[in-house]
Amino acid sequence: MRVFQDGQGRHWVATVRRRPGNDYKGRYYFFLSPRGAEDAEGVALIDIRWNSERSAERALETISDVELRRRLRSGVGRQRPAQAIGA
């Protein structure tokens, strides 16, 4: 788990989540949520995937805050059209 700030100074929590299912390839991915709302809806970055939780956690530990902010902007931008049409 990593806490970082977005461009507006809001705090976000980056964690690793696991997709359900039997296919282990790319099962783990980053998930970003507003701090204090980790159980609420957030931004799933399913385009960044790992086969093991250990690899995903190691990547999360080493990724820069700048890269996390960039990924957050990208993920939020991709979600907005889907949310607008009620998906």
Protein backbone atom coordinates (compact mmCIF):
# COMPACT_ATOMS: atom_id res chain seq x y z
CA MET A 1 0.00 0.00 0.00
CA ARG A 2 1.22 3.49 -0.89
CA VAL A 3 -0.24 6.88 -0.05
CA PHE A 4 0.39 9.71 -2.50
CA GLN A 5 -1.05 13.09 -3.45
CA ASP A 6 -2.66 13.97 -6.74
CA GLY A 7 -2.09 17.29 -8.52
CA GLN A 8 -4.74 19.01 -6.37
CA GLY A 9 -3.22 17.83 -3.09
CA ARG A 10 -5.82 15.13 -2.37
CA HIS A 11 -4.48 11.95 -0.83
CA TRP A 12 -4.90 8.63 -2.62
CA VAL A 13 -4.05 5.06 -1.65
CA ALA A 14 -2.45 2.73 -4.19
CA THR A 15 -2.90 -0.97 -3.48
CA VAL A 16 -2.64 -4.27 -5.28
CA ARG A 17 -5.83 -6.20 -5.98
CA ARG A 18 -6.50 -9.63 -7.40
CA ARG A 19 -8.89 -10.51 -10.20
CA PRO A 20 -11.07 -13.53 -9.41
CA GLY A 21 -10.87 -16.63 -11.55
CA ASN A 22 -8.65 -19.56 -12.37
CA ASP A 23 -6.35 -17.80 -14.81
CA TYR A 24 -3.27 -16.72 -12.89
CA LYS A 25 -1.73 -14.72 -15.74
CA GLY A 26 -2.05 -11.04 -15.04
CA ARG A 27 -4.21 -11.67 -11.99
CA TYR A 28 -2.81 -8.78 -9.91
CA TYR A 29 -3.28 -5.10 -10.75
CA PHE A 30 -3.03 -1.63 -9.18
CA PHE A 31 -6.10 -0.08 -7.59
CA LEU A 32 -6.23 3.59 -6.60
CA SER A 33 -8.81 4.99 -4.20
CA PRO A 34 -9.25 8.21 -2.26
CA ARG A 35 -7.68 8.01 1.20
CA GLY A 36 -10.33 7.10 3.75
CA ALA A 37 -12.52 5.47 1.12
CA GLU A 38 -10.43 2.39 0.32
CA ASP A 39 -13.50 0.15 0.31
CA ALA A 40 -15.43 2.49 -1.99
CA GLU A 41 -15.15 2.63 -5.74
CA GLY A 42 -11.81 3.71 -7.06
CA VAL A 43 -9.72 3.48 -10.19
CA ALA A 44 -8.71 -0.02 -11.31
CA LEU A 45 -5.59 0.06 -13.47
CA ILE A 46 -6.10 -3.30 -15.12
CA ASP A 47 -3.70 -2.45 -17.93
CA ILE A 48 -0.84 -2.84 -15.42
CA ARG A 49 -0.79 -6.51 -14.39
CA TRP A 50 1.44 -9.08 -12.72
CA ASN A 51 1.32 -12.82 -12.28
CA SER A 52 2.21 -12.75 -8.60
CA GLU A 53 1.30 -10.57 -5.66
CA ARG A 54 4.97 -10.35 -4.72
CA SER A 55 5.90 -8.84 -8.09
CA ALA A 56 3.00 -6.39 -7.96
CA GLU A 57 3.88 -5.27 -4.42
CA ARG A 58 7.53 -4.81 -5.39
CA ALA A 59 6.49 -2.65 -8.36
CA LEU A 60 4.20 -0.60 -6.12
CA GLU A 61 7.05 -0.01 -3.68
CA THR A 62 9.38 1.27 -6.40
CA ILE A 63 7.04 3.30 -8.63
CA SER A 64 7.45 7.07 -8.25
CA ASP A 65 4.74 9.40 -7.01
CA VAL A 66 4.95 11.21 -10.35
CA GLU A 67 4.14 7.96 -12.17
CA LEU A 68 1.29 7.19 -9.75
CA ARG A 69 -0.21 10.64 -10.42
CA ARG A 70 0.14 10.10 -14.17
CA ARG A 71 -1.54 6.68 -13.95
CA LEU A 72 -4.32 8.14 -11.80
CA ARG A 73 -5.04 10.91 -14.34
CA SER A 74 -5.06 8.36 -17.14
CA GLY A 75 -7.33 5.94 -15.26
CA VAL A 76 -9.81 8.63 -14.21
CA GLY A 77 -9.92 9.98 -17.76
CA ARG A 78 -10.80 6.54 -19.11
CA GLN A 79 -13.54 6.02 -16.53
CA ARG A 80 -15.42 9.28 -17.03
CA PRO A 81 -17.16 8.39 -20.32
CA ALA A 82 -18.35 5.06 -18.92
CA GLN A 83 -19.70 6.73 -15.78
CA ALA A 84 -21.48 9.40 -17.83
CA ILE A 85 -23.51 6.78 -19.67
CA GLY A 86 -24.27 4.83 -16.50
CA ALA A 87 -21.98 1.86 -17.09
